[in-house]
Amino acid sequence: MLIDRLFRPRAAHAAGRALYARVVEQSRKAELYAALGAPDTVEGRFEIYTLHLVLLLERLQGVEDPAAETGQALFDAYLSALDDALRELGVGDLSVGKKMRRLGEAFYGRVKSYLAAIAALPDQAPLTALLGRTVYDGADAAKAPALVGYVLAQRTALAAQPLAALLAGEVTWASR
């Protein structure tokens, strides 16, 4: 009994891992790549994956303490998965740290940029420009306004969900 309690993950950690799994699931939806034209490349998938993570972290930001712990667990699951993915891609042990540092810097840069673009809403121009630069890498930026619509729908859906559900690891993304 005592051993079970010692080794049972904290609720926030379990919720963070569950939310991370929902981020991955949503980021793999074919509509993002077919209908919205997100590049189906390693870089394009990283951007879509990061976008969903930022949306979920934004929803958990500034809320009571359990949300901060769940958000941290979500971020930790993200970093662990990036490390695993690099290793699966054949990156050597000596290079993983350097690549993780670069990915971490890219992530923090994205978070800062996304939060600034979101703060500028209802003006969609900053978010459109950001998505054009990051997700579409400038190549197919004309599709960015459609992705902005998707992002706004996801933010609305996340805002409407009870915090208790999110803290239990349950998230429902808006359907397209």
C-alpha atoms as a PDB file:
ATOM      1  CA  MET A   1       0.000   0.000   0.000  1.00  0.00           C
ATOM      2  CA  LEU A   2       2.718   2.481   0.986  1.00  0.00           C
ATOM      3  CA  ILE A   3       4.893   1.411  -1.929  1.00  0.00           C
ATOM      4  CA  ASP A   4       1.997   1.988  -4.342  1.00  0.00           C
ATOM      5  CA  ARG A   5       1.632   5.543  -3.062  1.00  0.00           C
ATOM      6  CA  LEU A   6       5.355   6.188  -3.325  1.00  0.00           C
ATOM      7  CA  PHE A   7       5.588   5.076  -6.949  1.00  0.00           C
ATOM      8  CA  ARG A   8       2.237   6.349  -8.182  1.00  0.00           C
ATOM      9  CA  PRO A   9       2.733   9.440 -10.348  1.00  0.00           C
ATOM     10  CA  ARG A  10       1.304  12.667  -9.016  1.00  0.00           C
ATOM     11  CA  ALA A  11      -2.015  13.610 -10.592  1.00  0.00           C
ATOM     12  CA  ALA A  12      -0.477  16.622 -12.348  1.00  0.00           C
ATOM     13  CA  HIS A  13       2.250  14.465 -13.893  1.00  0.00           C
ATOM     14  CA  ALA A  14      -0.264  11.928 -15.166  1.00  0.00           C
ATOM     15  CA  ALA A  15      -2.438  14.757 -16.514  1.00  0.00           C
ATOM     16  CA  GLY A  16       0.568  16.378 -18.206  1.00  0.00           C
ATOM     17  CA  ARG A  17       1.439  13.127 -19.960  1.00  0.00           C
ATOM     18  CA  ALA A  18      -2.188  12.597 -21.001  1.00  0.00           C
ATOM     19  CA  LEU A  19      -2.421  16.151 -22.356  1.00  0.00           C
ATOM     20  CA  TYR A  20       0.838  15.633 -24.219  1.00  0.00           C
ATOM     21  CA  ALA A  21      -0.617  12.515 -25.862  1.00  0.00           C
ATOM     22  CA  ARG A  22      -3.640  14.596 -26.983  1.00  0.00           C
ATOM     23  CA  VAL A  23      -1.269  17.255 -28.408  1.00  0.00           C
ATOM     24  CA  VAL A  24       0.529  14.608 -30.453  1.00  0.00           C
ATOM     25  CA  GLU A  25      -2.749  13.080 -31.595  1.00  0.00           C
ATOM     26  CA  GLN A  26      -4.145  16.444 -32.706  1.00  0.00           C
ATOM     27  CA  SER A  27      -0.874  17.448 -34.375  1.00  0.00           C
ATOM     28  CA  ARG A  28      -1.008  14.354 -36.552  1.00  0.00           C
ATOM     29  CA  LYS A  29      -4.472  15.091 -37.977  1.00  0.00           C
ATOM     30  CA  ALA A  30      -4.321  14.838 -41.760  1.00  0.00           C
ATOM     31  CA  GLU A  31      -6.493  17.950 -42.212  1.00  0.00           C
ATOM     32  CA  LEU A  32      -3.705  20.149 -40.891  1.00  0.00           C
ATOM     33  CA  TYR A  33      -1.473  19.027 -43.716  1.00  0.00           C
ATOM     34  CA  ALA A  34      -4.039  18.486 -46.465  1.00  0.00           C
ATOM     35  CA  ALA A  35      -6.667  21.185 -45.938  1.00  0.00           C
ATOM     36  CA  LEU A  36      -4.529  23.812 -44.195  1.00  0.00           C
ATOM     37  CA  GLY A  37      -1.371  23.111 -46.172  1.00  0.00           C
ATOM     38  CA  ALA A  38       1.034  22.751 -43.272  1.00  0.00           C
ATOM     39  CA  PRO A  39       4.210  21.177 -44.657  1.00  0.00           C
ATOM     40  CA  ASP A  40       4.328  17.440 -43.991  1.00  0.00           C
ATOM     41  CA  THR A  41       8.026  17.543 -43.153  1.00  0.00           C
ATOM     42  CA  VAL A  42       9.991  17.101 -39.945  1.00  0.00           C
ATOM     43  CA  GLU A  43      10.144  20.884 -39.568  1.00  0.00           C
ATOM     44  CA  GLY A  44       6.466  21.390 -40.451  1.00  0.00           C
ATOM     45  CA  ARG A  45       5.376  18.748 -37.975  1.00  0.00           C
ATOM     46  CA  PHE A  46       7.602  20.273 -35.283  1.00  0.00           C
ATOM     47  CA  GLU A  47       5.910  23.642 -35.849  1.00  0.00           C
ATOM     48  CA  ILE A  48       2.370  22.201 -35.714  1.00  0.00           C
ATOM     49  CA  TYR A  49       3.271  20.143 -32.667  1.00  0.00           C
ATOM     50  CA  THR A  50       4.744  23.188 -30.931  1.00  0.00           C
ATOM     51  CA  LEU A  51       1.742  25.336 -31.877  1.00  0.00           C
ATOM     52  CA  HIS A  52      -0.663  22.936 -30.153  1.00  0.00           C
ATOM     53  CA  LEU A  53       1.553  22.721 -27.099  1.00  0.00           C
ATOM     54  CA  VAL A  54       1.682  26.524 -26.851  1.00  0.00           C
ATOM     55  CA  LEU A  55      -2.117  26.745 -27.143  1.00  0.00           C
ATOM     56  CA  LEU A  56      -2.564  24.298 -24.299  1.00  0.00           C
ATOM     57  CA  LEU A  57       0.114  25.942 -22.144  1.00  0.00           C
ATOM     58  CA  GLU A  58      -1.515  29.328 -22.762  1.00  0.00           C
ATOM     59  CA  ARG A  59      -4.824  27.912 -21.494  1.00  0.00           C
ATOM     60  CA  LEU A  60      -3.138  26.646 -18.330  1.00  0.00           C
ATOM     61  CA  GLN A  61      -1.116  29.841 -17.804  1.00  0.00           C
ATOM     62  CA  GLY A  62      -2.030  32.204 -15.014  1.00  0.00           C
ATOM     63  CA  VAL A  63      -4.466  29.788 -13.406  1.00  0.00           C
ATOM     64  CA  GLU A  64      -4.272  28.265  -9.947  1.00  0.00           C
ATOM     65  CA  ASP A  65      -1.316  26.192  -8.757  1.00  0.00           C
ATOM     66  CA  PRO A  66      -2.360  22.715 -10.003  1.00  0.00           C
ATOM     67  CA  ALA A  67      -2.504  24.138 -13.533  1.00  0.00           C
ATOM     68  CA  ALA A  68       1.095  25.326 -13.278  1.00  0.00           C
ATOM     69  CA  GLU A  69       2.233  21.877 -12.177  1.00  0.00           C
ATOM     70  CA  THR A  70       0.240  20.228 -14.969  1.00  0.00           C
ATOM     71  CA  GLY A  71       1.660  22.696 -17.489  1.00  0.00           C
ATOM     72  CA  GLN A  72       5.176  21.890 -16.300  1.00  0.00           C
ATOM     73  CA  ALA A  73       4.473  18.157 -16.602  1.00  0.00           C
ATOM     74  CA  LEU A  74       3.143  18.749 -20.134  1.00  0.00           C
ATOM     75  CA  PHE A  75       6.312  20.654 -21.039  1.00  0.00           C
ATOM     76  CA  ASP A  76       8.504  17.941 -19.483  1.00  0.00           C
ATOM     77  CA  ALA A  77       6.725  15.267 -21.542  1.00  0.00           C
ATOM     78  CA  TYR A  78       7.316  17.386 -24.661  1.00  0.00           C
ATOM     79  CA  LEU A  79      11.047  17.692 -23.954  1.00  0.00           C
ATOM     80  CA  SER A  80      11.366  13.992 -23.214  1.00  0.00           C
ATOM     81  CA  ALA A  81       9.643  13.134 -26.489  1.00  0.00           C
ATOM     82  CA  LEU A  82      11.923  15.499 -28.428  1.00  0.00           C
ATOM     83  CA  ASP A  83      14.950  13.818 -26.891  1.00  0.00           C
ATOM     84  CA  ASP A  84      13.558  10.396 -27.818  1.00  0.00           C
ATOM     85  CA  ALA A  85      12.781  11.544 -31.367  1.00  0.00           C
ATOM     86  CA  LEU A  86      16.317  12.838 -31.876  1.00  0.00           C
ATOM     87  CA  ARG A  87      17.732   9.531 -30.743  1.00  0.00           C
ATOM     88  CA  GLU A  88      15.353   7.631 -33.045  1.00  0.00           C
ATOM     89  CA  LEU A  89      16.494   9.831 -35.941  1.00  0.00           C
ATOM     90  CA  GLY A  90      20.019   8.606 -35.242  1.00  0.00           C
ATOM     91  CA  VAL A  91      21.471  11.656 -33.525  1.00  0.00           C
ATOM     92  CA  GLY A  92      24.458  10.510 -31.477  1.00  0.00           C
ATOM     93  CA  ASP A  93      24.529  10.806 -27.709  1.00  0.00           C
ATOM     94  CA  LEU A  94      27.189  13.504 -27.846  1.00  0.00           C
ATOM     95  CA  SER A  95      25.096  15.659 -30.201  1.00  0.00           C
ATOM     96  CA  VAL A  96      21.711  15.254 -28.501  1.00  0.00           C
ATOM     97  CA  GLY A  97      22.465  17.885 -25.848  1.00  0.00           C
ATOM     98  CA  LYS A  98      23.427  20.501 -28.426  1.00  0.00           C
ATOM     99  CA  LYS A  99      20.387  19.792 -30.573  1.00  0.00           C
ATOM    100  CA  MET A 100      18.101  19.830 -27.537  1.00  0.00           C
ATOM    101  CA  ARG A 101      19.504  23.211 -26.539  1.00  0.00           C
ATOM    102  CA  ARG A 102      18.765  24.559 -30.037  1.00  0.00           C
ATOM    103  CA  LEU A 103      15.266  23.070 -29.994  1.00  0.00           C
ATOM    104  CA  GLY A 104      14.700  24.537 -26.523  1.00  0.00           C
ATOM    105  CA  GLU A 105      15.779  27.959 -27.722  1.00  0.00           C
ATOM    106  CA  ALA A 106      13.491  27.611 -30.748  1.00  0.00           C
ATOM    107  CA  PHE A 107      10.623  26.572 -28.480  1.00  0.00           C
ATOM    108  CA  TYR A 108      11.067  29.501 -26.091  1.00  0.00           C
ATOM    109  CA  GLY A 109      11.329  31.858 -29.047  1.00  0.00           C
ATOM    110  CA  ARG A 110       8.106  30.445 -30.453  1.00  0.00           C
ATOM    111  CA  VAL A 111       6.306  30.745 -27.120  1.00  0.00           C
ATOM    112  CA  LYS A 112       7.340  34.372 -26.769  1.00  0.00           C
ATOM    113  CA  SER A 113       6.303  35.133 -30.357  1.00  0.00           C
ATOM    114  CA  TYR A 114       2.992  33.263 -30.109  1.00  0.00           C
ATOM    115  CA  LEU A 115       2.051  34.945 -26.848  1.00  0.00           C
ATOM    116  CA  ALA A 116       2.867  38.368 -28.312  1.00  0.00           C
ATOM    117  CA  ALA A 117       0.802  37.607 -31.429  1.00  0.00           C
ATOM    118  CA  ILE A 118      -2.080  36.316 -29.306  1.00  0.00           C
ATOM    119  CA  ALA A 119      -1.905  39.420 -27.100  1.00  0.00           C
ATOM    120  CA  ALA A 120      -2.351  41.532 -30.247  1.00  0.00           C
ATOM    121  CA  LEU A 121      -5.698  39.880 -31.045  1.00  0.00           C
ATOM    122  CA  PRO A 122      -8.226  40.796 -32.423  1.00  0.00           C
ATOM    123  CA  ASP A 123      -5.590  42.101 -34.871  1.00  0.00           C
ATOM    124  CA  GLN A 124      -4.751  38.866 -36.686  1.00  0.00           C
ATOM    125  CA  ALA A 125      -1.874  40.295 -38.727  1.00  0.00           C
ATOM    126  CA  PRO A 126       0.893  39.424 -36.208  1.00  0.00           C
ATOM    127  CA  LEU A 127      -0.366  35.842 -35.839  1.00  0.00           C
ATOM    128  CA  THR A 128      -0.751  35.458 -39.602  1.00  0.00           C
ATOM    129  CA  ALA A 129       2.787  36.725 -40.184  1.00  0.00           C
ATOM    130  CA  LEU A 130       4.189  34.483 -37.457  1.00  0.00           C
ATOM    131  CA  LEU A 131       2.500  31.367 -38.835  1.00  0.00           C
ATOM    132  CA  GLY A 132       3.691  32.272 -42.317  1.00  0.00           C
ATOM    133  CA  ARG A 133       7.289  32.484 -41.070  1.00  0.00           C
ATOM    134  CA  THR A 134       7.279  29.459 -38.792  1.00  0.00           C
ATOM    135  CA  VAL A 135       4.818  26.838 -39.996  1.00  0.00           C
ATOM    136  CA  TYR A 136       4.998  27.644 -43.697  1.00  0.00           C
ATOM    137  CA  ASP A 137       8.620  28.825 -43.593  1.00  0.00           C
ATOM    138  CA  GLY A 138       7.616  31.651 -45.908  1.00  0.00           C
ATOM    139  CA  ALA A 139       7.101  29.213 -48.800  1.00  0.00           C
ATOM    140  CA  ASP A 140       3.320  28.895 -48.749  1.00  0.00           C
ATOM    141  CA  ALA A 141       2.431  31.739 -46.396  1.00  0.00           C
ATOM    142  CA  ALA A 142      -0.761  32.461 -48.356  1.00  0.00           C
ATOM    143  CA  LYS A 143      -2.319  29.552 -46.423  1.00  0.00           C
ATOM    144  CA  ALA A 144      -1.543  31.160 -43.059  1.00  0.00           C
ATOM    145  CA  PRO A 145      -4.935  32.937 -42.704  1.00  0.00           C
ATOM    146  CA  ALA A 146      -6.715  29.559 -42.787  1.00  0.00           C
ATOM    147  CA  LEU A 147      -4.410  28.300 -40.040  1.00  0.00           C
ATOM    148  CA  VAL A 148      -5.142  31.464 -38.035  1.00  0.00           C
ATOM    149  CA  GLY A 149      -8.833  30.529 -38.172  1.00  0.00           C
ATOM    150  CA  TYR A 150      -7.949  27.068 -36.925  1.00  0.00           C
ATOM    151  CA  VAL A 151      -5.843  28.515 -34.069  1.00  0.00           C
ATOM    152  CA  LEU A 152      -8.631  30.864 -33.010  1.00  0.00           C
ATOM    153  CA  ALA A 153     -11.143  28.001 -33.027  1.00  0.00           C
ATOM    154  CA  GLN A 154      -8.796  25.920 -30.858  1.00  0.00           C
ATOM    155  CA  ARG A 155      -8.302  28.796 -28.394  1.00  0.00           C
ATOM    156  CA  THR A 156     -12.073  29.208 -28.124  1.00  0.00           C
ATOM    157  CA  ALA A 157     -12.564  25.467 -27.581  1.00  0.00           C
ATOM    158  CA  LEU A 158      -9.829  25.348 -24.932  1.00  0.00           C
ATOM    159  CA  ALA A 159     -11.209  28.397 -23.121  1.00  0.00           C
ATOM    160  CA  ALA A 160     -14.659  26.775 -22.970  1.00  0.00           C
ATOM    161  CA  GLN A 161     -13.373  23.609 -21.332  1.00  0.00           C
ATOM    162  CA  PRO A 162     -13.552  23.316 -17.588  1.00  0.00           C
ATOM    163  CA  LEU A 163     -10.171  23.586 -15.927  1.00  0.00           C
ATOM    164  CA  ALA A 164     -10.943  20.439 -13.937  1.00  0.00           C
ATOM    165  CA  ALA A 165     -11.152  18.419 -17.161  1.00  0.00           C
ATOM    166  CA  LEU A 166      -7.793  19.758 -18.355  1.00  0.00           C
ATOM    167  CA  LEU A 167      -6.233  19.034 -14.966  1.00  0.00           C
ATOM    168  CA  ALA A 168      -7.504  15.478 -15.327  1.00  0.00           C
ATOM    169  CA  GLY A 169      -5.690  15.190 -18.655  1.00  0.00           C
ATOM    170  CA  GLU A 170      -8.779  15.539 -20.828  1.00  0.00           C
ATOM    171  CA  VAL A 171      -8.871  17.957 -23.734  1.00  0.00           C
ATOM    172  CA  THR A 172     -11.314  18.279 -26.596  1.00  0.00           C
ATOM    173  CA  TRP A 173     -10.005  20.069 -29.648  1.00  0.00           C
ATOM    174  CA  ALA A 174     -12.357  21.967 -31.926  1.00  0.00           C
ATOM    175  CA  SER A 175     -13.414  19.999 -34.970  1.00  0.00           C
ATOM    176  CA  ARG A 176     -12.809  21.615 -38.277  1.00  0.00           C
END
